[in-house]
Amino acid sequence: MKRSNPSVLACIAALVVVACAQQPIYTQPYVTAAPAVFVAPVPVELSVTYAKDGKPDPKRAEELKAALADALSMGGGFRPATPGQAGDRLEITVDDKAGAPKKTGLAGFTATVGHVLVSAPEFTPEGRRTVRELTVQIRYTPANGTAMVRSYESPLVTITNNTQEPTDLVSLQDRRHAEPTLIGNDLNLFMAEFAQAQTPAKP
């Protein structure tokens, strides 16, 4: 039986580690929204759709739905309806798409997030930045009443050829952690606005 070359095994092991490792990802600094607490939790039928550059990804949609349902179950706002329980509809549509094109004549990227403009030079000790935009639409439709729809955008930034960590961005570990973190924060913002809209005006 021929023995494998140890150096070859070491190379294979290194390739496996690199292939399995998730690339670090960053976003702009953002305000963490506290979970909303309603007077009484509202049961909802949760649905999540996910697409990358317009191409649906049902598997990722199911993963995010499970993560968001767990988060909602531990809060005091929207709660996933139990089997057989009637609930309002809560639809979350997620689109991962390429960021804005590079500025003419300048290196770097631009991405609009609300009224915030994120920009950075391309060749610095902080490396070359590539941005994608995570667009999240949340729609709440009650059995009776008017639907509430809001959209949120967050840049997802990957960095290559960097010799130091960026000082103007926040690390979200990797995409698997970044997406539920950002979508969960958007959902907290949505629930806070919903709760405020339900509060009767003081006489």
C-alpha atoms as a PDB file:
ATOM      1  CA  MET A   1       0.000   0.000   0.000  1.00  0.00           C
ATOM      2  CA  LYS A   2       1.433   3.321  -1.092  1.00  0.00           C
ATOM      3  CA  ARG A   3       1.663   5.939   1.620  1.00  0.00           C
ATOM      4  CA  SER A   4       0.410   9.455   0.970  1.00  0.00           C
ATOM      5  CA  ASN A   5       2.962  12.216   0.878  1.00  0.00           C
ATOM      6  CA  PRO A   6       2.646  14.209   4.156  1.00  0.00           C
ATOM      7  CA  SER A   7       3.213  17.480   2.309  1.00  0.00           C
ATOM      8  CA  VAL A   8       0.338  16.669  -0.063  1.00  0.00           C
ATOM      9  CA  LEU A   9      -1.949  15.887   2.881  1.00  0.00           C
ATOM     10  CA  ALA A  10      -0.959  19.168   4.491  1.00  0.00           C
ATOM     11  CA  CYS A  11      -1.826  21.055   1.320  1.00  0.00           C
ATOM     12  CA  ILE A  12      -5.192  19.300   1.036  1.00  0.00           C
ATOM     13  CA  ALA A  13      -5.967  20.076   4.661  1.00  0.00           C
ATOM     14  CA  ALA A  14      -5.081  23.722   4.116  1.00  0.00           C
ATOM     15  CA  LEU A  15      -7.328  23.910   1.054  1.00  0.00           C
ATOM     16  CA  VAL A  16     -10.217  22.365   2.967  1.00  0.00           C
ATOM     17  CA  VAL A  17      -9.816  24.901   5.762  1.00  0.00           C
ATOM     18  CA  VAL A  18      -9.749  27.774   3.274  1.00  0.00           C
ATOM     19  CA  ALA A  19     -12.765  26.412   1.398  1.00  0.00           C
ATOM     20  CA  CYS A  20     -14.803  25.970   4.575  1.00  0.00           C
ATOM     21  CA  ALA A  21     -13.879  29.302   6.123  1.00  0.00           C
ATOM     22  CA  GLN A  22     -16.433  32.051   5.788  1.00  0.00           C
ATOM     23  CA  GLN A  23     -15.067  35.341   4.518  1.00  0.00           C
ATOM     24  CA  PRO A  24     -15.219  38.122   7.124  1.00  0.00           C
ATOM     25  CA  ILE A  25     -17.864  40.720   6.361  1.00  0.00           C
ATOM     26  CA  TYR A  26     -18.511  44.243   7.592  1.00  0.00           C
ATOM     27  CA  THR A  27     -21.175  46.927   7.555  1.00  0.00           C
ATOM     28  CA  GLN A  28     -21.382  50.575   8.520  1.00  0.00           C
ATOM     29  CA  PRO A  29     -21.869  51.430  12.213  1.00  0.00           C
ATOM     30  CA  TYR A  30     -25.561  51.246  13.066  1.00  0.00           C
ATOM     31  CA  VAL A  31     -27.840  51.762  16.037  1.00  0.00           C
ATOM     32  CA  THR A  32     -28.942  48.499  17.609  1.00  0.00           C
ATOM     33  CA  ALA A  33     -32.707  48.625  18.062  1.00  0.00           C
ATOM     34  CA  ALA A  34     -34.056  47.141  21.269  1.00  0.00           C
ATOM     35  CA  PRO A  35     -36.709  44.422  20.877  1.00  0.00           C
ATOM     36  CA  ALA A  36     -40.179  45.955  20.917  1.00  0.00           C
ATOM     37  CA  VAL A  37     -42.614  44.952  23.644  1.00  0.00           C
ATOM     38  CA  PHE A  38     -46.320  45.147  22.810  1.00  0.00           C
ATOM     39  CA  VAL A  39     -49.136  45.356  25.350  1.00  0.00           C
ATOM     40  CA  ALA A  40     -49.991  41.863  24.140  1.00  0.00           C
ATOM     41  CA  PRO A  41     -47.825  39.842  21.699  1.00  0.00           C
ATOM     42  CA  VAL A  42     -49.321  39.664  18.203  1.00  0.00           C
ATOM     43  CA  PRO A  43     -49.425  36.196  16.600  1.00  0.00           C
ATOM     44  CA  VAL A  44     -48.302  36.241  12.974  1.00  0.00           C
ATOM     45  CA  GLU A  45     -47.919  33.819  10.121  1.00  0.00           C
ATOM     46  CA  LEU A  46     -44.286  34.381   9.182  1.00  0.00           C
ATOM     47  CA  SER A  47     -43.031  33.984   5.623  1.00  0.00           C
ATOM     48  CA  VAL A  48     -39.538  34.747   4.304  1.00  0.00           C
ATOM     49  CA  THR A  49     -38.298  34.902   0.735  1.00  0.00           C
ATOM     50  CA  TYR A  50     -34.638  35.329  -0.232  1.00  0.00           C
ATOM     51  CA  ALA A  51     -33.008  36.104  -3.554  1.00  0.00           C
ATOM     52  CA  LYS A  52     -29.455  36.778  -4.677  1.00  0.00           C
ATOM     53  CA  ASP A  53     -29.243  39.117  -7.651  1.00  0.00           C
ATOM     54  CA  GLY A  54     -32.881  38.324  -8.354  1.00  0.00           C
ATOM     55  CA  LYS A  55     -32.447  34.533  -8.220  1.00  0.00           C
ATOM     56  CA  PRO A  56     -34.584  32.901  -5.485  1.00  0.00           C
ATOM     57  CA  ASP A  57     -32.788  30.790  -2.857  1.00  0.00           C
ATOM     58  CA  PRO A  58     -35.476  28.776  -1.010  1.00  0.00           C
ATOM     59  CA  LYS A  59     -32.938  26.996   1.208  1.00  0.00           C
ATOM     60  CA  ARG A  60     -31.509  30.259   2.551  1.00  0.00           C
ATOM     61  CA  ALA A  61     -35.045  31.597   2.980  1.00  0.00           C
ATOM     62  CA  GLU A  62     -35.917  28.627   5.215  1.00  0.00           C
ATOM     63  CA  GLU A  63     -32.730  29.085   7.254  1.00  0.00           C
ATOM     64  CA  LEU A  64     -33.509  32.750   7.854  1.00  0.00           C
ATOM     65  CA  LYS A  65     -37.156  31.995   8.636  1.00  0.00           C
ATOM     66  CA  ALA A  66     -36.104  29.523  11.339  1.00  0.00           C
ATOM     67  CA  ALA A  67     -33.631  32.012  12.856  1.00  0.00           C
ATOM     68  CA  LEU A  68     -36.120  34.901  12.815  1.00  0.00           C
ATOM     69  CA  ALA A  69     -38.930  32.728  14.211  1.00  0.00           C
ATOM     70  CA  ASP A  70     -36.682  31.750  17.143  1.00  0.00           C
ATOM     71  CA  ALA A  71     -35.849  35.412  17.779  1.00  0.00           C
ATOM     72  CA  LEU A  72     -39.503  36.454  17.652  1.00  0.00           C
ATOM     73  CA  SER A  73     -40.496  33.642  20.006  1.00  0.00           C
ATOM     74  CA  MET A  74     -38.219  35.078  22.686  1.00  0.00           C
ATOM     75  CA  GLY A  75     -39.525  38.643  22.340  1.00  0.00           C
ATOM     76  CA  GLY A  76     -42.644  40.505  23.378  1.00  0.00           C
ATOM     77  CA  GLY A  77     -43.746  41.816  19.983  1.00  0.00           C
ATOM     78  CA  PHE A  78     -44.757  39.686  17.031  1.00  0.00           C
ATOM     79  CA  ARG A  79     -44.905  35.989  17.872  1.00  0.00           C
ATOM     80  CA  PRO A  80     -45.063  33.109  15.361  1.00  0.00           C
ATOM     81  CA  ALA A  81     -48.590  31.719  15.415  1.00  0.00           C
ATOM     82  CA  THR A  82     -48.887  28.222  16.837  1.00  0.00           C
ATOM     83  CA  PRO A  83     -50.326  25.424  14.657  1.00  0.00           C
ATOM     84  CA  GLY A  84     -54.039  26.015  14.266  1.00  0.00           C
ATOM     85  CA  GLN A  85     -53.840  29.551  15.657  1.00  0.00           C
ATOM     86  CA  ALA A  86     -55.073  32.343  13.411  1.00  0.00           C
ATOM     87  CA  GLY A  87     -52.506  35.052  12.900  1.00  0.00           C
ATOM     88  CA  ASP A  88     -51.902  38.190  10.880  1.00  0.00           C
ATOM     89  CA  ARG A  89     -49.362  37.944   8.045  1.00  0.00           C
ATOM     90  CA  LEU A  90     -45.743  39.039   8.440  1.00  0.00           C
ATOM     91  CA  GLU A  91     -43.842  38.809   5.153  1.00  0.00           C
ATOM     92  CA  ILE A  92     -40.109  39.463   4.958  1.00  0.00           C
ATOM     93  CA  THR A  93     -38.541  39.789   1.517  1.00  0.00           C
ATOM     94  CA  VAL A  94     -34.735  39.776   1.368  1.00  0.00           C
ATOM     95  CA  ASP A  95     -32.669  40.638  -1.697  1.00  0.00           C
ATOM     96  CA  ASP A  96     -28.875  40.370  -1.750  1.00  0.00           C
ATOM     97  CA  LYS A  97     -27.695  42.395  -4.723  1.00  0.00           C
ATOM     98  CA  ALA A  98     -24.575  43.979  -6.137  1.00  0.00           C
ATOM     99  CA  GLY A  99     -23.758  47.396  -4.715  1.00  0.00           C
ATOM    100  CA  ALA A 100     -23.625  50.682  -6.551  1.00  0.00           C
ATOM    101  CA  PRO A 101     -21.069  50.909  -9.380  1.00  0.00           C
ATOM    102  CA  LYS A 102     -17.691  52.518  -8.755  1.00  0.00           C
ATOM    103  CA  LYS A 103     -17.540  56.274  -8.950  1.00  0.00           C
ATOM    104  CA  THR A 104     -16.320  57.569 -12.311  1.00  0.00           C
ATOM    105  CA  GLY A 105     -12.633  58.425 -12.138  1.00  0.00           C
ATOM    106  CA  LEU A 106     -12.329  57.463  -8.486  1.00  0.00           C
ATOM    107  CA  ALA A 107     -11.533  54.214  -6.736  1.00  0.00           C
ATOM    108  CA  GLY A 108     -13.768  52.869  -4.013  1.00  0.00           C
ATOM    109  CA  PHE A 109     -17.462  52.276  -3.699  1.00  0.00           C
ATOM    110  CA  THR A 110     -20.571  54.142  -2.763  1.00  0.00           C
ATOM    111  CA  ALA A 111     -23.740  52.781  -1.226  1.00  0.00           C
ATOM    112  CA  THR A 112     -26.766  54.677  -0.059  1.00  0.00           C
ATOM    113  CA  VAL A 113     -28.271  53.546   3.247  1.00  0.00           C
ATOM    114  CA  GLY A 114     -31.182  55.768   4.154  1.00  0.00           C
ATOM    115  CA  HIS A 115     -29.578  59.221   4.035  1.00  0.00           C
ATOM    116  CA  VAL A 116     -26.083  57.911   4.823  1.00  0.00           C
ATOM    117  CA  LEU A 117     -23.401  57.763   2.154  1.00  0.00           C
ATOM    118  CA  VAL A 118     -20.690  55.167   2.694  1.00  0.00           C
ATOM    119  CA  SER A 119     -17.479  55.678   0.740  1.00  0.00           C
ATOM    120  CA  ALA A 120     -13.830  54.726   1.002  1.00  0.00           C
ATOM    121  CA  PRO A 121     -10.711  54.716  -1.177  1.00  0.00           C
ATOM    122  CA  GLU A 122      -9.851  51.390  -2.738  1.00  0.00           C
ATOM    123  CA  PHE A 123      -6.115  51.018  -2.179  1.00  0.00           C
ATOM    124  CA  THR A 124      -5.248  51.734   1.460  1.00  0.00           C
ATOM    125  CA  PRO A 125      -3.875  49.673   4.365  1.00  0.00           C
ATOM    126  CA  GLU A 126      -7.523  48.726   4.916  1.00  0.00           C
ATOM    127  CA  GLY A 127      -7.598  46.997   1.537  1.00  0.00           C
ATOM    128  CA  ARG A 128      -9.895  46.836  -1.447  1.00  0.00           C
ATOM    129  CA  ARG A 129     -13.589  46.936  -0.608  1.00  0.00           C
ATOM    130  CA  THR A 130     -16.443  45.268  -2.437  1.00  0.00           C
ATOM    131  CA  VAL A 131     -19.982  46.135  -1.427  1.00  0.00           C
ATOM    132  CA  ARG A 132     -23.260  44.326  -1.813  1.00  0.00           C
ATOM    133  CA  GLU A 133     -26.571  45.661  -0.572  1.00  0.00           C
ATOM    134  CA  LEU A 134     -28.930  43.709   1.646  1.00  0.00           C
ATOM    135  CA  THR A 135     -32.412  45.042   0.912  1.00  0.00           C
ATOM    136  CA  VAL A 136     -35.140  43.984   3.326  1.00  0.00           C
ATOM    137  CA  GLN A 137     -38.848  44.679   2.894  1.00  0.00           C
ATOM    138  CA  ILE A 138     -41.134  43.923   5.835  1.00  0.00           C
ATOM    139  CA  ARG A 139     -44.890  43.808   5.304  1.00  0.00           C
ATOM    140  CA  TYR A 140     -47.416  43.327   8.099  1.00  0.00           C
ATOM    141  CA  THR A 141     -50.957  42.571   6.965  1.00  0.00           C
ATOM    142  CA  PRO A 142     -53.635  42.333   9.683  1.00  0.00           C
ATOM    143  CA  ALA A 143     -56.790  40.288   9.214  1.00  0.00           C
ATOM    144  CA  ASN A 144     -58.661  43.577   9.426  1.00  0.00           C
ATOM    145  CA  GLY A 145     -57.091  46.943   8.817  1.00  0.00           C
ATOM    146  CA  THR A 146     -54.386  48.585   6.761  1.00  0.00           C
ATOM    147  CA  ALA A 147     -51.113  46.883   5.892  1.00  0.00           C
ATOM    148  CA  MET A 148     -47.819  48.424   7.040  1.00  0.00           C
ATOM    149  CA  VAL A 149     -44.794  48.155   4.723  1.00  0.00           C
ATOM    150  CA  ARG A 150     -41.243  49.370   5.299  1.00  0.00           C
ATOM    151  CA  SER A 151     -37.959  48.839   3.443  1.00  0.00           C
ATOM    152  CA  TYR A 152     -34.425  48.830   4.847  1.00  0.00           C
ATOM    153  CA  GLU A 153     -30.987  48.685   3.234  1.00  0.00           C
ATOM    154  CA  SER A 154     -27.607  47.746   4.664  1.00  0.00           C
ATOM    155  CA  PRO A 155     -24.234  47.472   2.909  1.00  0.00           C
ATOM    156  CA  LEU A 156     -22.362  44.181   3.247  1.00  0.00           C
ATOM    157  CA  VAL A 157     -18.667  44.859   2.685  1.00  0.00           C
ATOM    158  CA  THR A 158     -15.939  42.328   1.950  1.00  0.00           C
ATOM    159  CA  ILE A 159     -12.286  43.401   2.055  1.00  0.00           C
ATOM    160  CA  THR A 160      -9.264  41.955   0.279  1.00  0.00           C
ATOM    161  CA  ASN A 161      -5.554  42.817   0.392  1.00  0.00           C
ATOM    162  CA  ASN A 162      -5.883  44.603   3.706  1.00  0.00           C
ATOM    163  CA  THR A 163      -3.035  44.895   6.177  1.00  0.00           C
ATOM    164  CA  GLN A 164      -5.158  46.211   9.027  1.00  0.00           C
ATOM    165  CA  GLU A 165      -8.736  46.046  10.230  1.00  0.00           C
ATOM    166  CA  PRO A 166     -11.033  48.871   9.072  1.00  0.00           C
ATOM    167  CA  THR A 167     -11.771  51.537  11.649  1.00  0.00           C
ATOM    168  CA  ASP A 168     -14.937  52.892  10.008  1.00  0.00           C
ATOM    169  CA  LEU A 169     -16.852  49.617   9.689  1.00  0.00           C
ATOM    170  CA  VAL A 170     -18.364  47.068  12.071  1.00  0.00           C
ATOM    171  CA  SER A 171     -17.440  43.385  11.850  1.00  0.00           C
ATOM    172  CA  LEU A 172     -20.340  40.945  11.556  1.00  0.00           C
ATOM    173  CA  GLN A 173     -18.113  37.841  11.472  1.00  0.00           C
ATOM    174  CA  ASP A 174     -19.414  36.370   8.199  1.00  0.00           C
ATOM    175  CA  ARG A 175     -22.473  36.419   5.955  1.00  0.00           C
ATOM    176  CA  ARG A 176     -24.252  33.632   7.854  1.00  0.00           C
ATOM    177  CA  HIS A 177     -24.185  35.788  10.974  1.00  0.00           C
ATOM    178  CA  ALA A 178     -24.571  39.145   9.235  1.00  0.00           C
ATOM    179  CA  GLU A 179     -27.887  38.512   7.505  1.00  0.00           C
ATOM    180  CA  PRO A 180     -30.002  37.424  10.506  1.00  0.00           C
ATOM    181  CA  THR A 181     -28.331  40.108  12.647  1.00  0.00           C
ATOM    182  CA  LEU A 182     -29.215  42.932  10.263  1.00  0.00           C
ATOM    183  CA  ILE A 183     -32.669  41.590   9.362  1.00  0.00           C
ATOM    184  CA  GLY A 184     -33.436  41.093  13.056  1.00  0.00           C
ATOM    185  CA  ASN A 185     -32.460  44.694  13.728  1.00  0.00           C
ATOM    186  CA  ASP A 186     -34.686  45.875  10.871  1.00  0.00           C
ATOM    187  CA  LEU A 187     -37.527  43.842  12.362  1.00  0.00           C
ATOM    188  CA  ASN A 188     -37.013  45.482  15.765  1.00  0.00           C
ATOM    189  CA  LEU A 189     -37.167  48.921  14.108  1.00  0.00           C
ATOM    190  CA  PHE A 190     -40.351  47.875  12.313  1.00  0.00           C
ATOM    191  CA  MET A 191     -41.982  46.572  15.499  1.00  0.00           C
ATOM    192  CA  ALA A 192     -41.054  49.742  17.396  1.00  0.00           C
ATOM    193  CA  GLU A 193     -42.765  51.861  14.745  1.00  0.00           C
ATOM    194  CA  PHE A 194     -45.753  49.509  14.730  1.00  0.00           C
ATOM    195  CA  ALA A 195     -46.077  49.728  18.513  1.00  0.00           C
ATOM    196  CA  GLN A 196     -45.910  53.517  18.377  1.00  0.00           C
ATOM    197  CA  ALA A 197     -48.641  53.605  15.732  1.00  0.00           C
ATOM    198  CA  GLN A 198     -50.887  51.438  17.930  1.00  0.00           C
ATOM    199  CA  THR A 199     -50.496  53.672  21.004  1.00  0.00           C
ATOM    200  CA  PRO A 200     -53.592  55.869  21.426  1.00  0.00           C
ATOM    201  CA  ALA A 201     -52.881  59.581  21.313  1.00  0.00           C
ATOM    202  CA  LYS A 202     -53.128  61.315  24.670  1.00  0.00           C
ATOM    203  CA  PRO A 203     -56.103  63.696  25.008  1.00  0.00           C
END
